[in-house]
């Protein structure tokens, strides 16, 4: 079987052949201009990953890398059917929802002496133990809990067999290449193979594999084993929040037919034409925003510290989406329940 197109090539192909999702060039420029004003702040800098998010590990060691690996292995499908039916996790006096409820649950488990980031533990953890670790403060559990249990067992066994139980060993095999690390992850861990078909071609998004590379870069502060010379080749992470914020900001547009479906809350299956178009066009849209932003920076007398890449744009826009949730209620996110994002 032919290898799928890489995420960037997949996105370009999808955007060129999309029927229900469109990129607005004027909107792309407006978002780039909005981001230009933020390039001096922590939100568009590598150190923002730790400085702005207290749940992320503050160390840059093997334990922190293993934390990142477990969290990104389980980093999928947090959306709730309705606002009032959320899984919530309280940790150190603060209550978290969505992805942060996962991070809070992992940190709570570690504080209580459960070695959830140790492969030898999660390779054999039971479903009941997983339910207890990721328990919600509400009556609504974290979605796909059986799938999370299965993925933890599978991933833990592979990590023990092939990488001595530590994700840092996998990172070291990549020889400071983001692309090589992404390839190793996709090759060895089945749950990361975010591949589907579009217009007769195999396309990939590798959302979790790419965010795993990005978070490894971030937790290791871009140094030592985390100094990826090609980090700018990693694209944004195609999920359900980024398309929503891109539509809100006017860089992405939906056809009337698709918008009606989303407003009704209709589910889109993983691999559906419209679902693939939403993810692919979002990814390509962020690539265009990045290119436009780099042009604006080039003309600007003040240069930001460090490089600006799609990883940092994704981090910033995802945080922006969470902070502006109230403003974005008129824009529906697409509902797809799967383990890839």
C-alpha atoms as a PDB file:
ATOM      1  CA  UNK A   1       0.000   0.000   0.000  1.00  0.00           C
ATOM      2  CA  UNK A   2       1.273   3.493  -0.835  1.00  0.00           C
ATOM      3  CA  UNK A   3       2.399   5.658   2.057  1.00  0.00           C
ATOM      4  CA  UNK A   4      -0.097   8.449   2.800  1.00  0.00           C
ATOM      5  CA  UNK A   5       0.710  12.049   1.949  1.00  0.00           C
ATOM      6  CA  UNK A   6       2.390  13.867   4.844  1.00  0.00           C
ATOM      7  CA  UNK A   7       0.118  16.208   6.864  1.00  0.00           C
ATOM      8  CA  UNK A   8       1.211  19.398   5.066  1.00  0.00           C
ATOM      9  CA  UNK A   9       0.844  17.848   1.580  1.00  0.00           C
ATOM     10  CA  UNK A  10      -2.453  16.246   2.620  1.00  0.00           C
ATOM     11  CA  UNK A  11      -3.818  19.592   3.761  1.00  0.00           C
ATOM     12  CA  UNK A  12      -2.787  21.369   0.552  1.00  0.00           C
ATOM     13  CA  UNK A  13      -4.435  18.661  -1.561  1.00  0.00           C
ATOM     14  CA  UNK A  14      -7.625  18.757   0.526  1.00  0.00           C
ATOM     15  CA  UNK A  15      -7.832  22.573   0.420  1.00  0.00           C
ATOM     16  CA  UNK A  16      -7.417  22.545  -3.376  1.00  0.00           C
ATOM     17  CA  UNK A  17     -10.274  20.040  -3.773  1.00  0.00           C
ATOM     18  CA  UNK A  18     -12.613  21.083  -0.968  1.00  0.00           C
ATOM     19  CA  UNK A  19     -16.318  21.597  -1.720  1.00  0.00           C
ATOM     20  CA  UNK A  20     -17.760  22.713   1.619  1.00  0.00           C
ATOM     21  CA  UNK A  21     -14.875  24.393   3.469  1.00  0.00           C
ATOM     22  CA  UNK A  22     -12.994  27.409   2.123  1.00  0.00           C
ATOM     23  CA  UNK A  23     -10.038  29.534   3.161  1.00  0.00           C
ATOM     24  CA  UNK A  24     -10.589  33.312   3.074  1.00  0.00           C
ATOM     25  CA  UNK A  25      -7.390  35.122   2.042  1.00  0.00           C
ATOM     26  CA  UNK A  26      -8.465  38.391   3.651  1.00  0.00           C
ATOM     27  CA  UNK A  27      -9.251  36.522   6.870  1.00  0.00           C
ATOM     28  CA  UNK A  28      -5.846  34.822   6.773  1.00  0.00           C
ATOM     29  CA  UNK A  29      -4.185  38.245   6.614  1.00  0.00           C
ATOM     30  CA  UNK A  30      -6.334  39.640   9.435  1.00  0.00           C
ATOM     31  CA  UNK A  31      -5.414  36.727  11.708  1.00  0.00           C
ATOM     32  CA  UNK A  32      -1.723  37.181  10.827  1.00  0.00           C
ATOM     33  CA  UNK A  33      -2.021  40.874  11.760  1.00  0.00           C
ATOM     34  CA  UNK A  34      -3.711  39.947  15.047  1.00  0.00           C
ATOM     35  CA  UNK A  35      -0.858  37.541  15.808  1.00  0.00           C
ATOM     36  CA  UNK A  36       1.820  40.074  14.841  1.00  0.00           C
ATOM     37  CA  UNK A  37       0.805  42.162  17.840  1.00  0.00           C
ATOM     38  CA  UNK A  38       1.303  39.085  20.075  1.00  0.00           C
ATOM     39  CA  UNK A  39       4.757  38.007  18.896  1.00  0.00           C
ATOM     40  CA  UNK A  40       6.532  39.738  21.769  1.00  0.00           C
ATOM     41  CA  UNK A  41       4.384  38.068  24.458  1.00  0.00           C
ATOM     42  CA  UNK A  42       4.732  34.599  26.060  1.00  0.00           C
ATOM     43  CA  UNK A  43       1.762  33.170  24.120  1.00  0.00           C
ATOM     44  CA  UNK A  44       3.833  32.868  20.940  1.00  0.00           C
ATOM     45  CA  UNK A  45       7.065  31.753  22.586  1.00  0.00           C
ATOM     46  CA  UNK A  46       8.318  28.290  23.438  1.00  0.00           C
ATOM     47  CA  UNK A  47       8.523  29.093  27.165  1.00  0.00           C
ATOM     48  CA  UNK A  48       4.787  29.878  27.209  1.00  0.00           C
ATOM     49  CA  UNK A  49       4.037  26.132  27.316  1.00  0.00           C
ATOM     50  CA  UNK A  50       5.288  26.008  30.906  1.00  0.00           C
ATOM     51  CA  UNK A  51       4.834  29.621  31.988  1.00  0.00           C
ATOM     52  CA  UNK A  52       1.157  29.864  31.025  1.00  0.00           C
ATOM     53  CA  UNK A  53      -0.027  26.394  32.068  1.00  0.00           C
ATOM     54  CA  UNK A  54       0.515  25.277  35.652  1.00  0.00           C
ATOM     55  CA  UNK A  55      -0.606  21.687  34.959  1.00  0.00           C
ATOM     56  CA  UNK A  56       2.239  21.081  32.481  1.00  0.00           C
ATOM     57  CA  UNK A  57       5.445  19.636  33.981  1.00  0.00           C
ATOM     58  CA  UNK A  58       7.863  22.393  34.963  1.00  0.00           C
ATOM     59  CA  UNK A  59      10.904  20.083  34.867  1.00  0.00           C
ATOM     60  CA  UNK A  60      12.768  19.052  31.703  1.00  0.00           C
ATOM     61  CA  UNK A  61      13.645  15.476  32.628  1.00  0.00           C
ATOM     62  CA  UNK A  62      12.748  11.878  31.767  1.00  0.00           C
ATOM     63  CA  UNK A  63       9.728  11.847  34.102  1.00  0.00           C
ATOM     64  CA  UNK A  64       8.368  14.970  32.386  1.00  0.00           C
ATOM     65  CA  UNK A  65       8.825  13.375  28.942  1.00  0.00           C
ATOM     66  CA  UNK A  66       6.963  10.258  30.110  1.00  0.00           C
ATOM     67  CA  UNK A  67       4.153  12.504  31.441  1.00  0.00           C
ATOM     68  CA  UNK A  68       3.871  14.132  28.007  1.00  0.00           C
ATOM     69  CA  UNK A  69       3.745  10.722  26.311  1.00  0.00           C
ATOM     70  CA  UNK A  70       0.885   9.422  28.479  1.00  0.00           C
ATOM     71  CA  UNK A  71      -1.111  12.638  28.204  1.00  0.00           C
ATOM     72  CA  UNK A  72      -0.781  12.811  24.401  1.00  0.00           C
ATOM     73  CA  UNK A  73      -1.572   9.104  24.073  1.00  0.00           C
ATOM     74  CA  UNK A  74      -4.913   9.960  25.726  1.00  0.00           C
ATOM     75  CA  UNK A  75      -5.346  13.392  24.146  1.00  0.00           C
ATOM     76  CA  UNK A  76      -8.594  12.818  22.256  1.00  0.00           C
ATOM     77  CA  UNK A  77     -12.337  13.423  22.323  1.00  0.00           C
ATOM     78  CA  UNK A  78     -13.148  15.663  25.288  1.00  0.00           C
ATOM     79  CA  UNK A  79     -16.167  17.464  23.864  1.00  0.00           C
ATOM     80  CA  UNK A  80     -19.469  17.023  25.669  1.00  0.00           C
ATOM     81  CA  UNK A  81     -22.915  16.566  24.137  1.00  0.00           C
ATOM     82  CA  UNK A  82     -24.144  19.628  26.034  1.00  0.00           C
ATOM     83  CA  UNK A  83     -22.425  22.330  28.105  1.00  0.00           C
ATOM     84  CA  UNK A  84     -24.041  21.073  31.324  1.00  0.00           C
ATOM     85  CA  UNK A  85     -22.934  17.448  30.755  1.00  0.00           C
ATOM     86  CA  UNK A  86     -19.186  17.961  31.167  1.00  0.00           C
ATOM     87  CA  UNK A  87     -16.575  15.805  32.799  1.00  0.00           C
ATOM     88  CA  UNK A  88     -14.879  18.050  35.401  1.00  0.00           C
ATOM     89  CA  UNK A  89     -11.797  17.340  37.520  1.00  0.00           C
ATOM     90  CA  UNK A  90     -10.833  19.425  40.552  1.00  0.00           C
ATOM     91  CA  UNK A  91      -7.142  19.547  41.395  1.00  0.00           C
ATOM     92  CA  UNK A  92      -5.455  21.754  44.005  1.00  0.00           C
ATOM     93  CA  UNK A  93      -8.549  23.870  44.417  1.00  0.00           C
ATOM     94  CA  UNK A  94      -9.202  24.503  40.703  1.00  0.00           C
ATOM     95  CA  UNK A  95     -11.744  22.754  38.479  1.00  0.00           C
ATOM     96  CA  UNK A  96     -10.750  21.800  34.929  1.00  0.00           C
ATOM     97  CA  UNK A  97     -12.700  20.663  31.868  1.00  0.00           C
ATOM     98  CA  UNK A  98     -11.784  19.264  28.444  1.00  0.00           C
ATOM     99  CA  UNK A  99      -8.135  18.424  27.804  1.00  0.00           C
ATOM    100  CA  UNK A 100      -7.087  20.072  31.071  1.00  0.00           C
ATOM    101  CA  UNK A 101      -9.320  17.655  33.017  1.00  0.00           C
ATOM    102  CA  UNK A 102      -7.081  14.865  31.656  1.00  0.00           C
ATOM    103  CA  UNK A 103      -3.908  16.662  32.801  1.00  0.00           C
ATOM    104  CA  UNK A 104      -5.446  17.393  36.201  1.00  0.00           C
ATOM    105  CA  UNK A 105      -6.469  13.723  36.611  1.00  0.00           C
ATOM    106  CA  UNK A 106      -2.935  12.521  35.722  1.00  0.00           C
ATOM    107  CA  UNK A 107      -1.382  14.953  38.230  1.00  0.00           C
ATOM    108  CA  UNK A 108      -3.941  13.993  40.907  1.00  0.00           C
ATOM    109  CA  UNK A 109      -3.120  10.305  40.400  1.00  0.00           C
ATOM    110  CA  UNK A 110       0.643  10.961  40.660  1.00  0.00           C
ATOM    111  CA  UNK A 111       0.145  12.986  43.866  1.00  0.00           C
ATOM    112  CA  UNK A 112      -1.855  10.069  45.296  1.00  0.00           C
ATOM    113  CA  UNK A 113       0.949   7.619  44.538  1.00  0.00           C
ATOM    114  CA  UNK A 114      -0.498   5.984  41.409  1.00  0.00           C
ATOM    115  CA  UNK A 115       2.343   5.639  38.849  1.00  0.00           C
ATOM    116  CA  UNK A 116       0.143   6.451  35.848  1.00  0.00           C
ATOM    117  CA  UNK A 117       3.116   7.707  33.778  1.00  0.00           C
ATOM    118  CA  UNK A 118       5.072   4.468  34.233  1.00  0.00           C
ATOM    119  CA  UNK A 119       4.742   2.063  31.280  1.00  0.00           C
ATOM    120  CA  UNK A 120       5.063  -0.995  33.526  1.00  0.00           C
ATOM    121  CA  UNK A 121       1.973   0.226  35.401  1.00  0.00           C
ATOM    122  CA  UNK A 122      -0.278   1.319  32.534  1.00  0.00           C
ATOM    123  CA  UNK A 123       0.588  -1.695  30.338  1.00  0.00           C
ATOM    124  CA  UNK A 124      -1.517  -3.796  32.718  1.00  0.00           C
ATOM    125  CA  UNK A 125      -3.799  -1.227  34.372  1.00  0.00           C
ATOM    126  CA  UNK A 126      -7.405  -2.452  34.631  1.00  0.00           C
ATOM    127  CA  UNK A 127     -10.499  -0.697  33.301  1.00  0.00           C
ATOM    128  CA  UNK A 128     -11.739  -0.137  36.876  1.00  0.00           C
ATOM    129  CA  UNK A 129      -8.422   1.505  37.785  1.00  0.00           C
ATOM    130  CA  UNK A 130      -8.598   3.726  34.684  1.00  0.00           C
ATOM    131  CA  UNK A 131     -12.158   4.742  35.653  1.00  0.00           C
ATOM    132  CA  UNK A 132     -10.911   5.648  39.138  1.00  0.00           C
ATOM    133  CA  UNK A 133      -7.869   7.604  37.873  1.00  0.00           C
ATOM    134  CA  UNK A 134      -9.936   9.649  35.392  1.00  0.00           C
ATOM    135  CA  UNK A 135     -13.026   9.957  37.583  1.00  0.00           C
ATOM    136  CA  UNK A 136     -15.144  13.062  37.121  1.00  0.00           C
ATOM    137  CA  UNK A 137     -16.492  15.355  39.829  1.00  0.00           C
ATOM    138  CA  UNK A 138     -19.784  15.267  37.942  1.00  0.00           C
ATOM    139  CA  UNK A 139     -21.975  12.302  36.993  1.00  0.00           C
ATOM    140  CA  UNK A 140     -20.597  12.559  33.439  1.00  0.00           C
ATOM    141  CA  UNK A 141     -17.452  10.475  32.877  1.00  0.00           C
ATOM    142  CA  UNK A 142     -14.627  11.304  30.512  1.00  0.00           C
ATOM    143  CA  UNK A 143     -15.713  10.153  27.027  1.00  0.00           C
ATOM    144  CA  UNK A 144     -14.402   6.901  25.466  1.00  0.00           C
ATOM    145  CA  UNK A 145     -13.049   5.581  28.782  1.00  0.00           C
ATOM    146  CA  UNK A 146     -12.929   1.960  27.474  1.00  0.00           C
ATOM    147  CA  UNK A 147     -10.949   3.135  24.444  1.00  0.00           C
ATOM    148  CA  UNK A 148      -8.545   5.073  26.703  1.00  0.00           C
ATOM    149  CA  UNK A 149      -8.005   1.907  28.741  1.00  0.00           C
ATOM    150  CA  UNK A 150      -7.319  -0.170  25.616  1.00  0.00           C
ATOM    151  CA  UNK A 151      -4.900   2.408  24.189  1.00  0.00           C
ATOM    152  CA  UNK A 152      -3.019   2.690  27.510  1.00  0.00           C
ATOM    153  CA  UNK A 153      -2.522  -1.096  27.710  1.00  0.00           C
ATOM    154  CA  UNK A 154      -1.449  -1.367  24.068  1.00  0.00           C
ATOM    155  CA  UNK A 155       0.906   1.611  24.215  1.00  0.00           C
ATOM    156  CA  UNK A 156       2.465   0.583  27.530  1.00  0.00           C
ATOM    157  CA  UNK A 157       3.274  -2.909  26.238  1.00  0.00           C
ATOM    158  CA  UNK A 158       4.897  -1.521  23.062  1.00  0.00           C
ATOM    159  CA  UNK A 159       6.904   1.051  25.033  1.00  0.00           C
ATOM    160  CA  UNK A 160       8.223  -1.730  27.309  1.00  0.00           C
ATOM    161  CA  UNK A 161       9.030  -4.097  24.420  1.00  0.00           C
ATOM    162  CA  UNK A 162      10.639  -1.623  22.032  1.00  0.00           C
ATOM    163  CA  UNK A 163      11.883   1.348  24.058  1.00  0.00           C
ATOM    164  CA  UNK A 164      12.782   0.000  27.510  1.00  0.00           C
ATOM    165  CA  UNK A 165       9.643   1.509  29.028  1.00  0.00           C
ATOM    166  CA  UNK A 166      10.691   5.135  28.498  1.00  0.00           C
ATOM    167  CA  UNK A 167       9.546   7.493  25.766  1.00  0.00           C
ATOM    168  CA  UNK A 168      12.857   9.353  26.123  1.00  0.00           C
ATOM    169  CA  UNK A 169      14.546   6.365  24.457  1.00  0.00           C
ATOM    170  CA  UNK A 170      12.234   6.834  21.465  1.00  0.00           C
ATOM    171  CA  UNK A 171      13.039  10.578  21.416  1.00  0.00           C
ATOM    172  CA  UNK A 172      16.780   9.811  21.387  1.00  0.00           C
ATOM    173  CA  UNK A 173      16.358   7.489  18.396  1.00  0.00           C
ATOM    174  CA  UNK A 174      15.033  10.429  16.392  1.00  0.00           C
ATOM    175  CA  UNK A 175      18.474  12.120  16.458  1.00  0.00           C
ATOM    176  CA  UNK A 176      17.009  15.618  16.984  1.00  0.00           C
ATOM    177  CA  UNK A 177      14.575  15.372  14.065  1.00  0.00           C
ATOM    178  CA  UNK A 178      10.907  16.219  14.607  1.00  0.00           C
ATOM    179  CA  UNK A 179       9.955  14.356  11.424  1.00  0.00           C
ATOM    180  CA  UNK A 180      11.902  11.267  12.445  1.00  0.00           C
ATOM    181  CA  UNK A 181      10.259  11.257  15.878  1.00  0.00           C
ATOM    182  CA  UNK A 182       6.814  11.590  14.300  1.00  0.00           C
ATOM    183  CA  UNK A 183       7.626   8.672  11.958  1.00  0.00           C
ATOM    184  CA  UNK A 184       8.848   6.490  14.840  1.00  0.00           C
ATOM    185  CA  UNK A 185       5.668   7.176  16.826  1.00  0.00           C
ATOM    186  CA  UNK A 186       3.365   6.448  13.871  1.00  0.00           C
ATOM    187  CA  UNK A 187       5.331   3.318  12.946  1.00  0.00           C
ATOM    188  CA  UNK A 188       5.343   1.754  16.413  1.00  0.00           C
ATOM    189  CA  UNK A 189       2.126   2.945  18.112  1.00  0.00           C
ATOM    190  CA  UNK A 190      -1.086   2.065  16.192  1.00  0.00           C
ATOM    191  CA  UNK A 191      -3.349   4.548  18.007  1.00  0.00           C
ATOM    192  CA  UNK A 192      -1.341   7.437  16.507  1.00  0.00           C
ATOM    193  CA  UNK A 193      -2.029   6.424  12.864  1.00  0.00           C
ATOM    194  CA  UNK A 194      -4.401   9.243  11.964  1.00  0.00           C
ATOM    195  CA  UNK A 195      -4.789   8.345   8.261  1.00  0.00           C
ATOM    196  CA  UNK A 196      -7.853   8.356   6.006  1.00  0.00           C
ATOM    197  CA  UNK A 197      -8.834   8.746   2.322  1.00  0.00           C
ATOM    198  CA  UNK A 198      -9.876  11.795   0.341  1.00  0.00           C
ATOM    199  CA  UNK A 199     -10.596  11.981  -3.399  1.00  0.00           C
ATOM    200  CA  UNK A 200      -8.780   8.707  -4.069  1.00  0.00           C
ATOM    201  CA  UNK A 201      -5.630   9.570  -2.093  1.00  0.00           C
ATOM    202  CA  UNK A 202      -4.469   8.431   1.333  1.00  0.00           C
ATOM    203  CA  UNK A 203      -4.061  11.503   3.533  1.00  0.00           C
ATOM    204  CA  UNK A 204      -2.681  11.942   7.031  1.00  0.00           C
ATOM    205  CA  UNK A 205      -3.146  14.467   9.826  1.00  0.00           C
ATOM    206  CA  UNK A 206      -1.197  12.728  12.633  1.00  0.00           C
ATOM    207  CA  UNK A 207      -2.766  15.126  15.122  1.00  0.00           C
ATOM    208  CA  UNK A 208      -1.607  13.317  18.264  1.00  0.00           C
ATOM    209  CA  UNK A 209       1.770  12.300  16.831  1.00  0.00           C
ATOM    210  CA  UNK A 210       2.507  15.905  15.892  1.00  0.00           C
ATOM    211  CA  UNK A 211       1.348  17.315  19.228  1.00  0.00           C
ATOM    212  CA  UNK A 212       3.488  14.689  20.965  1.00  0.00           C
ATOM    213  CA  UNK A 213       6.549  15.926  19.049  1.00  0.00           C
ATOM    214  CA  UNK A 214       5.606  19.547  19.820  1.00  0.00           C
ATOM    215  CA  UNK A 215       5.028  18.911  23.531  1.00  0.00           C
ATOM    216  CA  UNK A 216       8.313  16.980  23.762  1.00  0.00           C
ATOM    217  CA  UNK A 217      10.063  19.991  22.195  1.00  0.00           C
ATOM    218  CA  UNK A 218       8.277  22.248  24.692  1.00  0.00           C
ATOM    219  CA  UNK A 219       8.855  20.201  27.845  1.00  0.00           C
ATOM    220  CA  UNK A 220      12.574  19.846  26.996  1.00  0.00           C
ATOM    221  CA  UNK A 221      12.638  23.602  26.212  1.00  0.00           C
ATOM    222  CA  UNK A 222      14.029  23.016  22.723  1.00  0.00           C
ATOM    223  CA  UNK A 223      17.351  21.872  24.207  1.00  0.00           C
ATOM    224  CA  UNK A 224      19.360  18.642  24.325  1.00  0.00           C
ATOM    225  CA  UNK A 225      17.217  15.676  23.257  1.00  0.00           C
ATOM    226  CA  UNK A 226      14.410  18.157  22.514  1.00  0.00           C
ATOM    227  CA  UNK A 227      16.414  20.342  20.143  1.00  0.00           C
ATOM    228  CA  UNK A 228      14.598  19.459  16.922  1.00  0.00           C
ATOM    229  CA  UNK A 229      16.335  21.154  14.011  1.00  0.00           C
ATOM    230  CA  UNK A 230      13.229  20.763  11.825  1.00  0.00           C
ATOM    231  CA  UNK A 231      10.501  21.707  14.334  1.00  0.00           C
ATOM    232  CA  UNK A 232       9.101  24.195  11.796  1.00  0.00           C
ATOM    233  CA  UNK A 233       8.093  21.224   9.580  1.00  0.00           C
ATOM    234  CA  UNK A 234       5.429  20.224  12.136  1.00  0.00           C
ATOM    235  CA  UNK A 235       1.992  21.613  11.244  1.00  0.00           C
ATOM    236  CA  UNK A 236      -0.935  22.559  13.455  1.00  0.00           C
ATOM    237  CA  UNK A 237      -2.814  19.733  15.160  1.00  0.00           C
ATOM    238  CA  UNK A 238      -6.094  19.180  13.303  1.00  0.00           C
ATOM    239  CA  UNK A 239      -8.794  18.865  15.967  1.00  0.00           C
ATOM    240  CA  UNK A 240     -12.298  20.282  16.530  1.00  0.00           C
ATOM    241  CA  UNK A 241     -11.414  23.532  18.381  1.00  0.00           C
ATOM    242  CA  UNK A 242      -8.994  25.068  15.853  1.00  0.00           C
ATOM    243  CA  UNK A 243     -11.503  24.993  12.937  1.00  0.00           C
ATOM    244  CA  UNK A 244     -14.033  26.685  15.221  1.00  0.00           C
ATOM    245  CA  UNK A 245     -11.675  29.546  16.114  1.00  0.00           C
ATOM    246  CA  UNK A 246     -10.549  29.941  12.475  1.00  0.00           C
ATOM    247  CA  UNK A 247     -14.189  30.333  11.386  1.00  0.00           C
ATOM    248  CA  UNK A 248     -14.785  32.763  14.273  1.00  0.00           C
ATOM    249  CA  UNK A 249     -11.795  34.861  13.146  1.00  0.00           C
ATOM    250  CA  UNK A 250     -12.956  34.818   9.502  1.00  0.00           C
ATOM    251  CA  UNK A 251     -10.039  32.855   8.033  1.00  0.00           C
ATOM    252  CA  UNK A 252     -12.180  29.776   7.309  1.00  0.00           C
ATOM    253  CA  UNK A 253     -15.687  29.576   5.863  1.00  0.00           C
ATOM    254  CA  UNK A 254     -18.263  26.761   5.659  1.00  0.00           C
ATOM    255  CA  UNK A 255     -20.855  26.185   2.944  1.00  0.00           C
ATOM    256  CA  UNK A 256     -24.472  26.803   3.986  1.00  0.00           C
ATOM    257  CA  UNK A 257     -25.173  23.075   3.763  1.00  0.00           C
ATOM    258  CA  UNK A 258     -22.316  22.184   6.121  1.00  0.00           C
ATOM    259  CA  UNK A 259     -23.084  25.030   8.526  1.00  0.00           C
ATOM    260  CA  UNK A 260     -26.709  23.848   8.813  1.00  0.00           C
ATOM    261  CA  UNK A 261     -25.515  20.329   9.664  1.00  0.00           C
ATOM    262  CA  UNK A 262     -23.133  21.602  12.335  1.00  0.00           C
ATOM    263  CA  UNK A 263     -25.731  23.936  13.849  1.00  0.00           C
ATOM    264  CA  UNK A 264     -28.086  20.956  14.181  1.00  0.00           C
ATOM    265  CA  UNK A 265     -25.331  19.094  16.044  1.00  0.00           C
ATOM    266  CA  UNK A 266     -25.179  16.304  13.466  1.00  0.00           C
ATOM    267  CA  UNK A 267     -22.308  13.888  14.006  1.00  0.00           C
ATOM    268  CA  UNK A 268     -19.651  13.540  11.314  1.00  0.00           C
ATOM    269  CA  UNK A 269     -17.859  10.200  11.162  1.00  0.00           C
ATOM    270  CA  UNK A 270     -14.074  10.052  11.073  1.00  0.00           C
ATOM    271  CA  UNK A 271     -13.111  10.004   7.369  1.00  0.00           C
ATOM    272  CA  UNK A 272     -16.353  11.594   6.099  1.00  0.00           C
ATOM    273  CA  UNK A 273     -15.761  14.018   3.215  1.00  0.00           C
ATOM    274  CA  UNK A 274     -16.873  17.040   5.243  1.00  0.00           C
ATOM    275  CA  UNK A 275     -14.890  16.013   8.326  1.00  0.00           C
ATOM    276  CA  UNK A 276     -11.716  15.590   6.256  1.00  0.00           C
ATOM    277  CA  UNK A 277     -12.307  18.960   4.552  1.00  0.00           C
ATOM    278  CA  UNK A 278     -12.728  20.731   7.916  1.00  0.00           C
ATOM    279  CA  UNK A 279      -9.479  19.285   9.263  1.00  0.00           C
ATOM    280  CA  UNK A 280      -7.459  19.620   6.043  1.00  0.00           C
ATOM    281  CA  UNK A 281      -8.520  23.199   5.303  1.00  0.00           C
ATOM    282  CA  UNK A 282      -7.856  24.204   8.924  1.00  0.00           C
ATOM    283  CA  UNK A 283      -4.354  22.800   8.723  1.00  0.00           C
ATOM    284  CA  UNK A 284      -3.610  24.519   5.406  1.00  0.00           C
ATOM    285  CA  UNK A 285      -5.174  27.747   6.692  1.00  0.00           C
ATOM    286  CA  UNK A 286      -2.713  27.848   9.614  1.00  0.00           C
ATOM    287  CA  UNK A 287       0.191  27.225   7.208  1.00  0.00           C
ATOM    288  CA  UNK A 288      -0.963  30.256   5.178  1.00  0.00           C
ATOM    289  CA  UNK A 289      -1.372  32.350   8.343  1.00  0.00           C
ATOM    290  CA  UNK A 290       2.161  31.407   9.388  1.00  0.00           C
ATOM    291  CA  UNK A 291       3.588  32.368   5.963  1.00  0.00           C
ATOM    292  CA  UNK A 292       1.731  35.700   6.051  1.00  0.00           C
ATOM    293  CA  UNK A 293       2.872  36.362   9.640  1.00  0.00           C
ATOM    294  CA  UNK A 294       6.498  35.663   8.717  1.00  0.00           C
ATOM    295  CA  UNK A 295       6.203  38.171   5.843  1.00  0.00           C
ATOM    296  CA  UNK A 296       4.792  40.782   8.232  1.00  0.00           C
ATOM    297  CA  UNK A 297       7.583  40.101  10.731  1.00  0.00           C
ATOM    298  CA  UNK A 298      10.133  40.473   7.955  1.00  0.00           C
ATOM    299  CA  UNK A 299       8.851  43.984   7.215  1.00  0.00           C
ATOM    300  CA  UNK A 300       8.667  44.911  10.890  1.00  0.00           C
ATOM    301  CA  UNK A 301      11.602  46.571  12.635  1.00  0.00           C
ATOM    302  CA  UNK A 302      11.021  44.654  15.900  1.00  0.00           C
ATOM    303  CA  UNK A 303      11.807  40.960  15.572  1.00  0.00           C
ATOM    304  CA  UNK A 304      10.402  38.352  17.994  1.00  0.00           C
ATOM    305  CA  UNK A 305      12.683  36.260  20.178  1.00  0.00           C
ATOM    306  CA  UNK A 306      12.968  32.736  18.779  1.00  0.00           C
ATOM    307  CA  UNK A 307      11.335  31.301  15.693  1.00  0.00           C
ATOM    308  CA  UNK A 308       7.634  31.512  14.898  1.00  0.00           C
ATOM    309  CA  UNK A 309       6.231  28.194  13.667  1.00  0.00           C
ATOM    310  CA  UNK A 310       2.899  26.409  13.267  1.00  0.00           C
ATOM    311  CA  UNK A 311       3.316  24.669  16.638  1.00  0.00           C
ATOM    312  CA  UNK A 312       3.328  28.009  18.459  1.00  0.00           C
ATOM    313  CA  UNK A 313       0.446  29.319  16.331  1.00  0.00           C
ATOM    314  CA  UNK A 314      -1.597  26.236  17.262  1.00  0.00           C
ATOM    315  CA  UNK A 315      -0.830  26.627  20.974  1.00  0.00           C
ATOM    316  CA  UNK A 316      -1.838  30.302  20.838  1.00  0.00           C
ATOM    317  CA  UNK A 317      -5.039  29.794  18.831  1.00  0.00           C
ATOM    318  CA  UNK A 318      -6.138  26.854  20.994  1.00  0.00           C
ATOM    319  CA  UNK A 319      -5.716  28.956  24.147  1.00  0.00           C
ATOM    320  CA  UNK A 320      -7.511  31.834  22.396  1.00  0.00           C
ATOM    321  CA  UNK A 321     -10.437  29.494  21.614  1.00  0.00           C
ATOM    322  CA  UNK A 322     -10.761  28.506  25.281  1.00  0.00           C
ATOM    323  CA  UNK A 323     -10.546  32.106  26.497  1.00  0.00           C
ATOM    324  CA  UNK A 324     -13.158  33.319  23.975  1.00  0.00           C
ATOM    325  CA  UNK A 325     -15.583  30.405  24.282  1.00  0.00           C
ATOM    326  CA  UNK A 326     -18.496  32.728  25.112  1.00  0.00           C
ATOM    327  CA  UNK A 327     -17.884  34.843  21.968  1.00  0.00           C
ATOM    328  CA  UNK A 328     -17.706  31.728  19.795  1.00  0.00           C
ATOM    329  CA  UNK A 329     -21.006  30.103  20.770  1.00  0.00           C
ATOM    330  CA  UNK A 330     -22.613  31.023  17.432  1.00  0.00           C
ATOM    331  CA  UNK A 331     -19.911  29.015  15.619  1.00  0.00           C
ATOM    332  CA  UNK A 332     -20.445  25.271  16.065  1.00  0.00           C
ATOM    333  CA  UNK A 333     -17.513  22.890  16.386  1.00  0.00           C
ATOM    334  CA  UNK A 334     -17.798  19.697  14.350  1.00  0.00           C
ATOM    335  CA  UNK A 335     -18.746  16.610  16.332  1.00  0.00           C
ATOM    336  CA  UNK A 336     -16.650  13.550  15.601  1.00  0.00           C
ATOM    337  CA  UNK A 337     -16.101  10.938  18.296  1.00  0.00           C
ATOM    338  CA  UNK A 338     -12.817   9.094  17.712  1.00  0.00           C
ATOM    339  CA  UNK A 339      -9.429   8.426  19.292  1.00  0.00           C
ATOM    340  CA  UNK A 340      -7.415  10.439  16.770  1.00  0.00           C
ATOM    341  CA  UNK A 341      -8.371  13.882  18.134  1.00  0.00           C
END
